[in-house]
PDB file of N, CA and C in Angstrom:
ATOM      1  N   MET A   1     154.051  85.408  86.327  1.00  0.00           N
ATOM      2  CA  MET A   1     153.524  85.466  87.491  1.00  0.00           C
ATOM      3  C   MET A   1     153.553  83.962  88.371  1.00  0.00           C
ATOM      4  N   THR A   2     153.233  83.898  89.426  1.00  0.00           N
ATOM      5  CA  THR A   2     153.317  83.117  89.975  1.00  0.00           C
ATOM      6  C   THR A   2     151.475  82.522  90.689  1.00  0.00           C
ATOM      7  N   PHE A   3     151.461  81.273  90.792  1.00  0.00           N
ATOM      8  CA  PHE A   3     149.679  80.960  91.064  1.00  0.00           C
ATOM      9  C   PHE A   3     148.826  81.953  91.917  1.00  0.00           C
ATOM     10  N   GLU A   4     150.025  82.750  93.014  1.00  0.00           N
ATOM     11  CA  GLU A   4     149.368  83.281  93.991  1.00  0.00           C
ATOM     12  C   GLU A   4     149.046  84.861  94.027  1.00  0.00           C
ATOM     13  N   GLU A   5     150.167  85.409  92.471  1.00  0.00           N
ATOM     14  CA  GLU A   5     150.097  86.220  92.207  1.00  0.00           C
ATOM     15  C   GLU A   5     148.388  86.326  91.354  1.00  0.00           C
ATOM     16  N   LYS A   6     148.708  85.437  90.367  1.00  0.00           N
ATOM     17  CA  LYS A   6     147.133  85.590  89.940  1.00  0.00           C
ATOM     18  C   LYS A   6     146.109  85.900  90.733  1.00  0.00           C
ATOM     19  N   LEU A   7     146.010  84.873  91.876  1.00  0.00           N
ATOM     20  CA  LEU A   7     145.011  84.949  92.593  1.00  0.00           C
ATOM     21  C   LEU A   7     144.443  86.117  92.808  1.00  0.00           C
ATOM     22  N   ARG A   8     145.391  86.910  93.527  1.00  0.00           N
ATOM     23  CA  ARG A   8     145.846  87.838  94.302  1.00  0.00           C
ATOM     24  C   ARG A   8     145.151  89.004  93.052  1.00  0.00           C
ATOM     25  N   ALA A   9     145.954  89.003  92.347  1.00  0.00           N
ATOM     26  CA  ALA A   9     144.981  90.041  90.819  1.00  0.00           C
ATOM     27  C   ALA A   9     143.347  89.798  91.007  1.00  0.00           C
ATOM     28  N   GLU A  10     143.217  88.743  90.618  1.00  0.00           N
ATOM     29  CA  GLU A  10     141.602  87.839  90.267  1.00  0.00           C
ATOM     30  C   GLU A  10     140.739  88.903  91.222  1.00  0.00           C
ATOM     31  N   LEU A  11     141.917  88.802  93.045  1.00  0.00           N
ATOM     32  CA  LEU A  11     140.388  88.542  93.740  1.00  0.00           C
ATOM     33  C   LEU A  11     140.433  90.631  93.912  1.00  0.00           C
ATOM     34  N   ARG A  12     141.853  91.176  93.393  1.00  0.00           N
ATOM     35  CA  ARG A  12     141.584  92.905  93.624  1.00  0.00           C
ATOM     36  C   ARG A  12     140.764  93.229  92.532  1.00  0.00           C
ATOM     37  N   THR A  13     140.804  92.272  91.167  1.00  0.00           N
ATOM     38  CA  THR A  13     139.624  93.146  90.611  1.00  0.00           C
ATOM     39  C   THR A  13     138.188  92.759  91.048  1.00  0.00           C
ATOM     40  N   GLU A  14     137.921  91.382  91.556  1.00  0.00           N
ATOM     41  CA  GLU A  14     136.174  91.267  92.101  1.00  0.00           C
ATOM     42  C   GLU A  14     136.215  92.438  92.720  1.00  0.00           C
ATOM     43  N   VAL A  15     136.923  92.754  93.726  1.00  0.00           N
ATOM     44  CA  VAL A  15     137.294  93.701  95.025  1.00  0.00           C
ATOM     45  C   VAL A  15     136.467  95.046  94.718  1.00  0.00           C
ATOM     46  N   ALA A  16     137.493  95.452  93.445  1.00  0.00           N
ATOM     47  CA  ALA A  16     137.315  96.707  92.920  1.00  0.00           C
ATOM     48  C   ALA A  16     135.545  96.552  91.683  1.00  0.00           C
ATOM     49  N   LYS A  17     135.453  95.570  91.224  1.00  0.00           N
ATOM     50  CA  LYS A  17     133.746  95.253  91.087  1.00  0.00           C
ATOM     51  C   LYS A  17     132.639  95.279  92.365  1.00  0.00           C
ATOM     52  N   ALA A  18     133.188  94.717  93.508  1.00  0.00           N
ATOM     53  CA  ALA A  18     132.110  95.041  94.138  1.00  0.00           C
ATOM     54  C   ALA A  18     132.182  95.985  94.512  1.00  0.00           C
ATOM     55  N   GLN A  19     132.923  97.115  95.329  1.00  0.00           N
ATOM     56  CA  GLN A  19     132.900  98.020  95.465  1.00  0.00           C
ATOM     57  C   GLN A  19     132.067  99.275  94.760  1.00  0.00           C
ATOM     58  N   ALA A  20     132.736  98.966  93.530  1.00  0.00           N
ATOM     59  CA  ALA A  20     131.903  99.776  92.100  1.00  0.00           C
ATOM     60  C   ALA A  20     130.521  99.453  92.153  1.00  0.00           C
ATOM     61  N   GLU A  21     129.853  98.184  91.786  1.00  0.00           N
ATOM     62  CA  GLU A  21     128.395  97.772  92.205  1.00  0.00           C
ATOM     63  C   GLU A  21     128.380  98.484  93.722  1.00  0.00           C
ATOM     64  N   THR A  22     128.482  98.078  94.783  1.00  0.00           N
ATOM     65  CA  THR A  22     127.935  99.105  96.278  1.00  0.00           C
ATOM     66  C   THR A  22     127.914 100.406  95.552  1.00  0.00           C
ATOM     67  N   GLU A  23     128.970 101.306  95.602  1.00  0.00           N
ATOM     68  CA  GLU A  23     128.838 102.582  94.944  1.00  0.00           C
ATOM     69  C   GLU A  23     127.265 102.729  94.417  1.00  0.00           C
ATOM     70  N   GLN A  24     127.427 102.499  92.802  1.00  0.00           N
ATOM     71  CA  GLN A  24     126.362 102.494  92.178  1.00  0.00           C
ATOM     72  C   GLN A  24     125.307 102.159  93.182  1.00  0.00           C
ATOM     73  N   VAL A  25     125.098 101.379  93.750  1.00  0.00           N
ATOM     74  CA  VAL A  25     123.848 100.571  94.843  1.00  0.00           C
ATOM     75  C   VAL A  25     123.470 101.711  95.786  1.00  0.00           C
ATOM     76  N   ARG A  26     124.812 102.298  96.079  1.00  0.00           N
ATOM     77  CA  ARG A  26     124.073 103.381  96.990  1.00  0.00           C
ATOM     78  C   ARG A  26     124.089 104.921  96.481  1.00  0.00           C
ATOM     79  N   GLN A  27     124.512 104.904  95.118  1.00  0.00           N
ATOM     80  CA  GLN A  27     123.544 106.376  94.489  1.00  0.00           C
ATOM     81  C   GLN A  27     122.345 106.039  94.325  1.00  0.00           C
ATOM     82  N   GLN A  28     122.316 104.915  93.561  1.00  0.00           N
ATOM     83  CA  GLN A  28     120.891 104.750  93.218  1.00  0.00           C
ATOM     84  C   GLN A  28     119.752 104.737  94.380  1.00  0.00           C
ATOM     85  N   TRP A  29     120.214 104.640  95.448  1.00  0.00           N
ATOM     86  CA  TRP A  29     119.650 104.580  96.828  1.00  0.00           C
ATOM     87  C   TRP A  29     119.170 106.077  97.205  1.00  0.00           C
ATOM     88  N   MET A  30     120.589 106.763  97.310  1.00  0.00           N
ATOM     89  CA  MET A  30     119.827 107.938  98.023  1.00  0.00           C
ATOM     90  C   MET A  30     119.190 108.576  96.550  1.00  0.00           C
ATOM     91  N   LYS A  31     118.998 108.304  95.307  1.00  0.00           N
ATOM     92  CA  LYS A  31     118.441 109.027  94.168  1.00  0.00           C
ATOM     93  C   LYS A  31     116.844 108.993  95.094  1.00  0.00           C
ATOM     94  N   GLU A  32     116.441 107.823  95.120  1.00  0.00           N
ATOM     95  CA  GLU A  32     115.034 107.271  95.768  1.00  0.00           C
ATOM     96  C   GLU A  32     114.871 107.863  96.319  1.00  0.00           C
ATOM     97  N   VAL A  33     115.817 108.108  97.959  1.00  0.00           N
ATOM     98  CA  VAL A  33     115.907 108.488  99.257  1.00  0.00           C
ATOM     99  C   VAL A  33     115.001 110.575  99.221  1.00  0.00           C
ATOM    100  N   GLU A  34     115.849 110.661  97.720  1.00  0.00           N
ATOM    101  CA  GLU A  34     115.863 112.225  97.055  1.00  0.00           C
ATOM    102  C   GLU A  34     114.320 111.917  96.921  1.00  0.00           C
ATOM    103  N   GLU A  35     113.909 111.295  95.866  1.00  0.00           N
ATOM    104  CA  GLU A  35     112.181 111.170  95.194  1.00  0.00           C
ATOM    105  C   GLU A  35     111.531 111.334  95.877  1.00  0.00           C
ATOM    106  N   LEU A  36     111.440 110.254  97.445  1.00  0.00           N
ATOM    107  CA  LEU A  36     110.862 110.313  98.164  1.00  0.00           C
ATOM    108  C   LEU A  36     110.798 111.254  99.335  1.00  0.00           C
ATOM    109  N   ARG A  37     111.395 111.875  99.753  1.00  0.00           N
ATOM    110  CA  ARG A  37     111.545 112.863 100.312  1.00  0.00           C
ATOM    111  C   ARG A  37     110.186 114.415  99.277  1.00  0.00           C
ATOM    112  N   ASP A  38     111.219 114.347  98.177  1.00  0.00           N
ATOM    113  CA  ASP A  38     110.131 115.632  97.194  1.00  0.00           C
ATOM    114  C   ASP A  38     108.881 114.899  97.228  1.00  0.00           C
ATOM    115  N   GLU A  39     107.975 113.889  97.282  1.00  0.00           N
ATOM    116  CA  GLU A  39     107.334 113.967  96.998  1.00  0.00           C
ATOM    117  C   GLU A  39     106.671 113.775  98.069  1.00  0.00           C
ATOM    118  N   LEU A  40     106.969 113.450  99.438  1.00  0.00           N
ATOM    119  CA  LEU A  40     106.173 113.476 100.698  1.00  0.00           C
ATOM    120  C   LEU A  40     106.542 115.098 101.056  1.00  0.00           C
ATOM    121  N   LYS A  41     107.306 115.806 100.641  1.00  0.00           N
ATOM    122  CA  LYS A  41     106.646 117.029 100.579  1.00  0.00           C
ATOM    123  C   LYS A  41     105.598 117.684  99.971  1.00  0.00           C
ATOM    124  N   ASN A  42     105.577 117.545  99.054  1.00  0.00           N
ATOM    125  CA  ASN A  42     104.440 117.558  97.659  1.00  0.00           C
ATOM    126  C   ASN A  42     103.211 117.128  98.543  1.00  0.00           C
ATOM    127  N   LYS A  43     103.728 115.802  98.825  1.00  0.00           N
ATOM    128  CA  LYS A  43     101.733 115.863  99.259  1.00  0.00           C
ATOM    129  C   LYS A  43     101.621 115.850 100.589  1.00  0.00           C
ATOM    130  N   ASP A  44     102.531 116.385 101.453  1.00  0.00           N
ATOM    131  CA  ASP A  44     102.288 117.361 102.769  1.00  0.00           C
ATOM    132  C   ASP A  44     102.201 118.909 102.260  1.00  0.00           C
ATOM    133  N   LYS A  45     101.970 119.320 101.105  1.00  0.00           N
ATOM    134  CA  LYS A  45     101.602 120.494 100.477  1.00  0.00           C
ATOM    135  C   LYS A  45     100.276 120.312 100.115  1.00  0.00           C
ATOM    136  N   MET A  46     100.081 119.505  99.519  1.00  0.00           N
ATOM    137  CA  MET A  46      98.666 119.372  99.531  1.00  0.00           C
ATOM    138  C   MET A  46      97.608 119.320 100.444  1.00  0.00           C
ATOM    139  N   ILE A  47      98.407 118.311 101.201  1.00  0.00           N
ATOM    140  CA  ILE A  47      97.083 118.346 102.947  1.00  0.00           C
ATOM    141  C   ILE A  47      96.998 119.644 103.124  1.00  0.00           C
ATOM    142  N   GLN A  48      97.947 120.714 103.245  1.00  0.00           N
ATOM    143  CA  GLN A  48      98.194 121.783 103.814  1.00  0.00           C
ATOM    144  C   GLN A  48      96.986 122.792 103.676  1.00  0.00           C
ATOM    145  N   LYS A  49      96.779 122.462 102.000  1.00  0.00           N
ATOM    146  CA  LYS A  49      96.087 123.206 100.744  1.00  0.00           C
ATOM    147  C   LYS A  49      94.714 122.551 101.320  1.00  0.00           C
ATOM    148  N   PHE A  50      94.811 121.470 101.391  1.00  0.00           N
ATOM    149  CA  PHE A  50      93.453 120.729 101.620  1.00  0.00           C
ATOM    150  C   PHE A  50      92.489 121.081 103.054  1.00  0.00           C
ATOM    151  N   GLU A  51      93.439 120.996 103.826  1.00  0.00           N
ATOM    152  CA  GLU A  51      93.077 121.705 105.232  1.00  0.00           C
ATOM    153  C   GLU A  51      92.491 122.909 105.496  1.00  0.00           C
ATOM    154  N   MET A  52      93.319 123.917 104.928  1.00  0.00           N
ATOM    155  CA  MET A  52      92.865 124.671 103.962  1.00  0.00           C
ATOM    156  C   MET A  52      91.036 125.481 104.280  1.00  0.00           C
ATOM    157  N   PHE A  53      91.041 124.439 102.614  1.00  0.00           N
ATOM    158  CA  PHE A  53      89.968 124.204 102.102  1.00  0.00           C
ATOM    159  C   PHE A  53      88.769 124.020 103.272  1.00  0.00           C
ATOM    160  N   ILE A  54      89.275 123.109 104.002  1.00  0.00           N
ATOM    161  CA  ILE A  54      88.132 122.853 104.535  1.00  0.00           C
ATOM    162  C   ILE A  54      87.820 123.924 106.235  1.00  0.00           C
ATOM    163  N   ASP A  55      89.580 124.024 106.241  1.00  0.00           N
ATOM    164  CA  ASP A  55      88.610 125.561 107.314  1.00  0.00           C
ATOM    165  C   ASP A  55      87.927 126.589 107.048  1.00  0.00           C
ATOM    166  N   ILE A  56      88.322 126.945 105.523  1.00  0.00           N
ATOM    167  CA  ILE A  56      87.644 127.578 104.563  1.00  0.00           C
ATOM    168  C   ILE A  56      85.702 127.438 104.376  1.00  0.00           C
ATOM    169  N   CYS A  57      85.890 125.715 104.516  1.00  0.00           N
ATOM    170  CA  CYS A  57      84.501 125.344 104.068  1.00  0.00           C
ATOM    171  C   CYS A  57      83.758 125.770 105.227  1.00  0.00           C
ATOM    172  N   ASN A  58      83.871 125.304 106.388  1.00  0.00           N
ATOM    173  CA  ASN A  58      83.671 125.520 107.850  1.00  0.00           C
ATOM    174  C   ASN A  58      83.138 126.965 108.358  1.00  0.00           C
ATOM    175  N   GLU A  59      84.317 127.819 108.090  1.00  0.00           N
ATOM    176  CA  GLU A  59      84.405 129.581 108.057  1.00  0.00           C
ATOM    177  C   GLU A  59      82.426 130.028 108.126  1.00  0.00           C
ATOM    178  N   ARG A  60      82.451 129.399 106.500  1.00  0.00           N
ATOM    179  CA  ARG A  60      81.769 129.630 105.656  1.00  0.00           C
ATOM    180  C   ARG A  60      79.831 129.079 106.543  1.00  0.00           C
ATOM    181  N   VAL A  61      80.217 127.947 106.532  1.00  0.00           N
ATOM    182  CA  VAL A  61      79.089 127.067 107.152  1.00  0.00           C
ATOM    183  C   VAL A  61      78.506 127.891 108.573  1.00  0.00           C
ATOM    184  N   MET A  62      80.055 127.947 109.028  1.00  0.00           N
ATOM    185  CA  MET A  62      79.029 129.091 110.507  1.00  0.00           C
ATOM    186  C   MET A  62      78.339 130.170 110.680  1.00  0.00           C
ATOM    187  N   ALA A  63      79.452 130.759 109.235  1.00  0.00           N
ATOM    188  CA  ALA A  63      78.744 131.857 109.346  1.00  0.00           C
ATOM    189  C   ALA A  63      77.323 132.120 108.452  1.00  0.00           C
ATOM    190  N   GLU A  64      77.079 131.542 108.036  1.00  0.00           N
ATOM    191  CA  GLU A  64      75.506 130.856 107.275  1.00  0.00           C
ATOM    192  C   GLU A  64      74.501 130.532 108.443  1.00  0.00           C
ATOM    193  N   ARG A  65      75.448 129.657 109.157  1.00  0.00           N
ATOM    194  CA  ARG A  65      74.230 129.267 110.537  1.00  0.00           C
ATOM    195  C   ARG A  65      74.357 130.434 111.377  1.00  0.00           C
ATOM    196  N   PHE A  66      75.284 131.476 111.464  1.00  0.00           N
ATOM    197  CA  PHE A  66      74.587 132.417 112.278  1.00  0.00           C
ATOM    198  C   PHE A  66      73.653 133.789 111.710  1.00  0.00           C
ATOM    199  N   ARG A  67      73.944 134.067 110.380  1.00  0.00           N
ATOM    200  CA  ARG A  67      72.701 134.659 109.899  1.00  0.00           C
ATOM    201  C   ARG A  67      71.750 133.644 109.497  1.00  0.00           C
ATOM    202  N   LEU A  68      71.751 132.614 109.400  1.00  0.00           N
ATOM    203  CA  LEU A  68      70.184 132.163 109.662  1.00  0.00           C
ATOM    204  C   LEU A  68      69.856 132.073 110.469  1.00  0.00           C
ATOM    205  N   GLU A  69      70.658 131.831 112.113  1.00  0.00           N
ATOM    206  CA  GLU A  69      69.987 132.330 113.585  1.00  0.00           C
ATOM    207  C   GLU A  69      69.734 133.500 113.264  1.00  0.00           C
ATOM    208  N   GLY A  70      70.626 134.727 113.085  1.00  0.00           N
ATOM    209  CA  GLY A  70      70.154 135.615 112.978  1.00  0.00           C
ATOM    210  C   GLY A  70      68.370 136.263 112.271  1.00  0.00           C
ATOM    211  N   GLU A  71      68.330 135.986 111.138  1.00  0.00           N
ATOM    212  CA  GLU A  71      67.617 135.418 110.241  1.00  0.00           C
ATOM    213  C   GLU A  71      65.645 135.258 111.071  1.00  0.00           C
ATOM    214  N   GLY A  72      66.158 134.316 111.606  1.00  0.00           N
ATOM    215  CA  GLY A  72      65.224 133.433 112.272  1.00  0.00           C
ATOM    216  C   GLY A  72      64.894 133.648 114.059  1.00  0.00           C
ATOM    217  N   SER A  73      65.674 134.673 114.483  1.00  0.00           N
ATOM    218  CA  SER A  73      65.081 135.366 115.541  1.00  0.00           C
ATOM    219  C   SER A  73      64.820 136.433 115.678  1.00  0.00           C
ATOM    220  N   SER A  74      64.688 137.220 114.197  1.00  0.00           N
ATOM    221  CA  SER A  74      64.267 138.509 114.051  1.00  0.00           C
ATOM    222  C   SER A  74      63.213 138.409 113.536  1.00  0.00           C
ATOM    223  N   SER A  75      63.048 137.144 112.781  1.00  0.00           N
ATOM    224  CA  SER A  75      61.469 136.578 112.458  1.00  0.00           C
ATOM    225  C   SER A  75      60.698 136.536 113.443  1.00  0.00           C
ATOM    226  N   VAL A  76      61.436 136.061 114.541  1.00  0.00           N
ATOM    227  CA  VAL A  76      60.080 135.964 115.772  1.00  0.00           C
ATOM    228  C   VAL A  76      59.912 137.140 116.576  1.00  0.00           C
ATOM    229  N   SER A  77      61.333 137.909 116.534  1.00  0.00           N
ATOM    230  CA  SER A  77      60.330 138.891 118.076  1.00  0.00           C
ATOM    231  C   SER A  77      59.638 139.989 117.160  1.00  0.00           C
ATOM    232  N   GLN A  78      59.688 140.046 115.856  1.00  0.00           N
ATOM    233  CA  GLN A  78      58.322 140.677 115.291  1.00  0.00           C
ATOM    234  C   GLN A  78      56.858 140.308 115.467  1.00  0.00           C
TER     235      GLN A  78
END
């Protein structure tokens, strides 16, 4: 093998290593992106549940106000 052939072989090896490392980093990145997407979906679900809870609480407050206003006006009328 000539010096040039040895150098090319060594460079091919280094390029192959770099490509493998790049692929590994890409796969790790994709995995992290999927995990973050799943986490975001879970947090969106939690937010929706919390918003539903707030809506239910607001409805209960409005119903109680309506009931109390009805009691207040009926006792004043009598």
